[in-house]
Amino acid sequence: MIAVPADAARVAEMEIPERTAHHAKEGTDLVEIGSAIAAAARRSAWTVQSEKPGITLAEKATQEGKHRVTVNINYDSTTYLIEYRDSHNLGYTDKHCVDRDFGNPNSKRNHTRCVGAGIHPYYNVWIGTLSERIDSFLSDLASEKEK
């Protein structure tokens, strides 16, 4: 389990991954791709909740379940997409607002700027690591197919 520090209430703009082309060899069936994605998730300390051709449901929990996030990993024969599904105790908000002066030296008050969804910054790290691991496992799958 990964420890979350006391400042876990911090919220950052949530990075929304785009659909990513993967390197599984053409003709690789969805079951093999799904197995590689599930293995990559497990290797990155995610728990695979369910697997069906085209979608893997994965969860990452910390501190004995005090903090958790659940994602869908949707995939087809050429791409995959990691989508936020749910979280607990990670400060998720569908709109992330920041109070700032925006560089105006004459301003007597802060202005609020709202951007996309917000969540604890660790989410972005966890998703980035998961994506890198999926890329690696699918590349390995392509290499094995070439042998």
C-alpha atoms as a PDB file:
ATOM      1  CA  MET A   1       0.000   0.000   0.000  1.00  0.00           C
ATOM      2  CA  ILE A   2       1.099   3.575  -0.677  1.00  0.00           C
ATOM      3  CA  ALA A   3       0.945   6.075   2.164  1.00  0.00           C
ATOM      4  CA  VAL A   4      -0.834   9.348   1.488  1.00  0.00           C
ATOM      5  CA  PRO A   5       0.664  12.288   3.418  1.00  0.00           C
ATOM      6  CA  ALA A   6      -1.251  14.573   5.765  1.00  0.00           C
ATOM      7  CA  ASP A   7      -1.649  17.188   3.019  1.00  0.00           C
ATOM      8  CA  ALA A   8      -3.917  14.812   1.060  1.00  0.00           C
ATOM      9  CA  ALA A   9      -6.591  17.496   0.958  1.00  0.00           C
ATOM     10  CA  ARG A  10      -4.650  19.208  -1.854  1.00  0.00           C
ATOM     11  CA  VAL A  11      -6.460  19.275  -5.164  1.00  0.00           C
ATOM     12  CA  ALA A  12      -4.871  19.593  -8.599  1.00  0.00           C
ATOM     13  CA  GLU A  13      -6.424  19.776 -12.020  1.00  0.00           C
ATOM     14  CA  MET A  14      -7.293  16.235 -13.041  1.00  0.00           C
ATOM     15  CA  GLU A  15      -5.399  15.043 -16.079  1.00  0.00           C
ATOM     16  CA  ILE A  16      -7.777  13.377 -18.516  1.00  0.00           C
ATOM     17  CA  PRO A  17      -5.868  10.835 -20.610  1.00  0.00           C
ATOM     18  CA  GLU A  18      -6.617  10.684 -24.308  1.00  0.00           C
ATOM     19  CA  ARG A  19      -7.231   7.461 -26.163  1.00  0.00           C
ATOM     20  CA  THR A  20      -3.767   6.009 -26.730  1.00  0.00           C
ATOM     21  CA  ALA A  21      -2.596   3.851 -29.615  1.00  0.00           C
ATOM     22  CA  HIS A  22      -0.960   0.688 -28.317  1.00  0.00           C
ATOM     23  CA  HIS A  23       1.667  -1.556 -29.818  1.00  0.00           C
ATOM     24  CA  ALA A  24       0.000  -4.949 -29.704  1.00  0.00           C
ATOM     25  CA  LYS A  25       0.605  -6.733 -32.967  1.00  0.00           C
ATOM     26  CA  GLU A  26      -2.190  -6.543 -35.529  1.00  0.00           C
ATOM     27  CA  GLY A  27      -4.416  -9.584 -35.184  1.00  0.00           C
ATOM     28  CA  THR A  28      -3.897  -9.929 -31.410  1.00  0.00           C
ATOM     29  CA  ASP A  29      -7.264 -10.853 -29.939  1.00  0.00           C
ATOM     30  CA  LEU A  30      -8.971  -8.781 -27.261  1.00  0.00           C
ATOM     31  CA  VAL A  31      -8.553 -11.481 -24.622  1.00  0.00           C
ATOM     32  CA  GLU A  32      -4.753 -11.328 -24.958  1.00  0.00           C
ATOM     33  CA  ILE A  33      -4.790  -7.513 -24.927  1.00  0.00           C
ATOM     34  CA  GLY A  34      -7.057  -7.531 -21.874  1.00  0.00           C
ATOM     35  CA  SER A  35      -4.793 -10.004 -20.079  1.00  0.00           C
ATOM     36  CA  ALA A  36      -1.765  -7.803 -20.732  1.00  0.00           C
ATOM     37  CA  ILE A  37      -3.640  -4.716 -19.482  1.00  0.00           C
ATOM     38  CA  ALA A  38      -4.760  -6.562 -16.329  1.00  0.00           C
ATOM     39  CA  ALA A  39      -1.200  -7.776 -15.693  1.00  0.00           C
ATOM     40  CA  ALA A  40       0.113  -4.223 -16.145  1.00  0.00           C
ATOM     41  CA  ALA A  41      -2.468  -2.910 -13.672  1.00  0.00           C
ATOM     42  CA  ARG A  42      -1.577  -5.560 -11.086  1.00  0.00           C
ATOM     43  CA  ARG A  43       2.136  -4.839 -11.509  1.00  0.00           C
ATOM     44  CA  SER A  44       1.367  -1.159 -10.807  1.00  0.00           C
ATOM     45  CA  ALA A  45      -0.384  -2.067  -7.519  1.00  0.00           C
ATOM     46  CA  TRP A  46      -3.927  -1.822  -8.896  1.00  0.00           C
ATOM     47  CA  THR A  47      -6.535  -4.469  -8.088  1.00  0.00           C
ATOM     48  CA  VAL A  48      -8.425  -5.753 -11.108  1.00  0.00           C
ATOM     49  CA  GLN A  49     -12.103  -5.825 -10.150  1.00  0.00           C
ATOM     50  CA  SER A  50     -13.455  -7.275 -13.392  1.00  0.00           C
ATOM     51  CA  GLU A  51     -12.373  -8.120 -16.909  1.00  0.00           C
ATOM     52  CA  LYS A  52     -14.499  -8.394 -20.028  1.00  0.00           C
ATOM     53  CA  PRO A  53     -13.306  -8.168 -23.627  1.00  0.00           C
ATOM     54  CA  GLY A  54     -12.918  -4.447 -24.269  1.00  0.00           C
ATOM     55  CA  ILE A  55     -12.984  -3.237 -20.656  1.00  0.00           C
ATOM     56  CA  THR A  56     -11.052  -3.784 -17.441  1.00  0.00           C
ATOM     57  CA  LEU A  57     -12.226  -2.297 -14.147  1.00  0.00           C
ATOM     58  CA  ALA A  58      -9.304  -1.535 -11.805  1.00  0.00           C
ATOM     59  CA  GLU A  59      -8.981   0.000  -8.351  1.00  0.00           C
ATOM     60  CA  LYS A  60      -6.048   1.434  -6.443  1.00  0.00           C
ATOM     61  CA  ALA A  61      -6.388   1.711  -2.686  1.00  0.00           C
ATOM     62  CA  THR A  62      -4.051   3.200  -0.110  1.00  0.00           C
ATOM     63  CA  GLN A  63      -3.759   3.071   3.651  1.00  0.00           C
ATOM     64  CA  GLU A  64      -5.968   0.013   4.077  1.00  0.00           C
ATOM     65  CA  GLY A  65      -8.671   1.448   1.846  1.00  0.00           C
ATOM     66  CA  LYS A  66      -8.809   4.918   3.358  1.00  0.00           C
ATOM     67  CA  HIS A  67      -8.125   6.385  -0.099  1.00  0.00           C
ATOM     68  CA  ARG A  68      -9.142   4.713  -3.334  1.00  0.00           C
ATOM     69  CA  VAL A  69      -9.785   5.348  -6.991  1.00  0.00           C
ATOM     70  CA  THR A  70     -11.549   3.184  -9.576  1.00  0.00           C
ATOM     71  CA  VAL A  71     -10.998   3.454 -13.323  1.00  0.00           C
ATOM     72  CA  ASN A  72     -12.300   1.804 -16.466  1.00  0.00           C
ATOM     73  CA  ILE A  73      -9.621   0.794 -18.936  1.00  0.00           C
ATOM     74  CA  ASN A  74     -11.425   0.607 -22.275  1.00  0.00           C
ATOM     75  CA  TYR A  75      -9.550  -0.981 -25.162  1.00  0.00           C
ATOM     76  CA  ASP A  76      -9.878  -2.316 -28.654  1.00  0.00           C
ATOM     77  CA  SER A  77      -7.473  -3.882 -31.134  1.00  0.00           C
ATOM     78  CA  THR A  78      -5.482  -0.663 -31.608  1.00  0.00           C
ATOM     79  CA  THR A  79      -6.094   1.722 -28.673  1.00  0.00           C
ATOM     80  CA  TYR A  80      -6.854   1.991 -24.964  1.00  0.00           C
ATOM     81  CA  LEU A  81      -8.351   4.685 -22.760  1.00  0.00           C
ATOM     82  CA  ILE A  82      -8.151   5.074 -18.966  1.00  0.00           C
ATOM     83  CA  GLU A  83     -11.324   6.724 -17.642  1.00  0.00           C
ATOM     84  CA  TYR A  84     -11.988   7.948 -14.101  1.00  0.00           C
ATOM     85  CA  ARG A  85     -14.949   6.126 -12.598  1.00  0.00           C
ATOM     86  CA  ASP A  86     -15.022   6.868  -8.869  1.00  0.00           C
ATOM     87  CA  SER A  87     -12.876   7.733  -5.871  1.00  0.00           C
ATOM     88  CA  HIS A  88     -13.061   7.974  -2.125  1.00  0.00           C
ATOM     89  CA  ASN A  89     -11.209  10.501   0.009  1.00  0.00           C
ATOM     90  CA  LEU A  90      -9.137  11.948  -2.868  1.00  0.00           C
ATOM     91  CA  GLY A  91     -10.936  15.290  -2.994  1.00  0.00           C
ATOM     92  CA  TYR A  92     -12.551  14.764  -6.404  1.00  0.00           C
ATOM     93  CA  THR A  93     -14.585  17.692  -7.665  1.00  0.00           C
ATOM     94  CA  ASP A  94     -16.067  18.105 -11.125  1.00  0.00           C
ATOM     95  CA  LYS A  95     -14.832  21.700 -11.215  1.00  0.00           C
ATOM     96  CA  HIS A  96     -11.461  22.773  -9.815  1.00  0.00           C
ATOM     97  CA  CYS A  97     -11.436  26.440  -8.747  1.00  0.00           C
ATOM     98  CA  VAL A  98      -8.372  28.448  -7.787  1.00  0.00           C
ATOM     99  CA  ASP A  99      -8.339  31.876  -6.136  1.00  0.00           C
ATOM    100  CA  ARG A 100      -5.617  34.077  -7.615  1.00  0.00           C
ATOM    101  CA  ASP A 101      -4.668  37.660  -8.300  1.00  0.00           C
ATOM    102  CA  PHE A 102      -3.606  36.769 -11.888  1.00  0.00           C
ATOM    103  CA  GLY A 103      -0.719  39.223 -11.762  1.00  0.00           C
ATOM    104  CA  ASN A 104      -2.754  42.406 -11.346  1.00  0.00           C
ATOM    105  CA  PRO A 105      -0.771  44.535  -8.842  1.00  0.00           C
ATOM    106  CA  ASN A 106      -3.745  46.909  -8.377  1.00  0.00           C
ATOM    107  CA  SER A 107      -6.180  44.163  -7.453  1.00  0.00           C
ATOM    108  CA  LYS A 108      -7.568  44.379  -3.924  1.00  0.00           C
ATOM    109  CA  ARG A 109      -9.100  40.922  -4.105  1.00  0.00           C
ATOM    110  CA  ASN A 110      -8.404  37.567  -5.575  1.00  0.00           C
ATOM    111  CA  HIS A 111     -10.262  36.278  -8.581  1.00  0.00           C
ATOM    112  CA  THR A 112     -11.507  32.750  -8.930  1.00  0.00           C
ATOM    113  CA  ARG A 113     -10.536  30.765 -11.994  1.00  0.00           C
ATOM    114  CA  CYS A 114     -12.339  27.484 -12.550  1.00  0.00           C
ATOM    115  CA  VAL A 115     -10.985  24.748 -14.774  1.00  0.00           C
ATOM    116  CA  GLY A 116     -11.826  21.093 -15.295  1.00  0.00           C
ATOM    117  CA  ALA A 117     -12.181  18.409 -12.665  1.00  0.00           C
ATOM    118  CA  GLY A 118      -9.913  18.421  -9.633  1.00  0.00           C
ATOM    119  CA  ILE A 119      -8.492  15.564  -7.584  1.00  0.00           C
ATOM    120  CA  HIS A 120      -5.522  14.829  -5.321  1.00  0.00           C
ATOM    121  CA  PRO A 121      -2.284  15.169  -7.343  1.00  0.00           C
ATOM    122  CA  TYR A 122      -1.398  11.531  -6.677  1.00  0.00           C
ATOM    123  CA  TYR A 123      -4.201  10.494  -9.024  1.00  0.00           C
ATOM    124  CA  ASN A 124      -2.336  12.029 -11.954  1.00  0.00           C
ATOM    125  CA  VAL A 125       0.847  10.196 -10.927  1.00  0.00           C
ATOM    126  CA  TRP A 126      -0.972   6.875 -10.515  1.00  0.00           C
ATOM    127  CA  ILE A 127      -2.681   7.183 -13.907  1.00  0.00           C
ATOM    128  CA  GLY A 128       0.586   8.178 -15.596  1.00  0.00           C
ATOM    129  CA  THR A 129       2.361   5.179 -14.094  1.00  0.00           C
ATOM    130  CA  LEU A 130      -0.483   2.853 -15.061  1.00  0.00           C
ATOM    131  CA  SER A 131      -0.444   4.142 -18.640  1.00  0.00           C
ATOM    132  CA  GLU A 132       3.335   3.658 -18.919  1.00  0.00           C
ATOM    133  CA  ARG A 133       3.036   0.129 -17.565  1.00  0.00           C
ATOM    134  CA  ILE A 134       0.212  -0.719 -19.993  1.00  0.00           C
ATOM    135  CA  ASP A 135       2.342   0.597 -22.881  1.00  0.00           C
ATOM    136  CA  SER A 136       5.239  -1.569 -21.730  1.00  0.00           C
ATOM    137  CA  PHE A 137       3.167  -4.745 -21.328  1.00  0.00           C
ATOM    138  CA  LEU A 138       1.468  -4.307 -24.701  1.00  0.00           C
ATOM    139  CA  SER A 139       4.862  -3.703 -26.355  1.00  0.00           C
ATOM    140  CA  ASP A 140       6.132  -6.899 -24.712  1.00  0.00           C
ATOM    141  CA  LEU A 141       3.068  -8.732 -26.035  1.00  0.00           C
ATOM    142  CA  ALA A 142       3.879  -7.503 -29.549  1.00  0.00           C
ATOM    143  CA  SER A 143       7.498  -8.674 -29.156  1.00  0.00           C
ATOM    144  CA  GLU A 144       6.388 -12.126 -27.989  1.00  0.00           C
ATOM    145  CA  LYS A 145       4.060 -12.425 -31.007  1.00  0.00           C
ATOM    146  CA  GLU A 146       6.967 -11.700 -33.375  1.00  0.00           C
ATOM    147  CA  LYS A 147       9.028 -14.621 -32.019  1.00  0.00           C
END
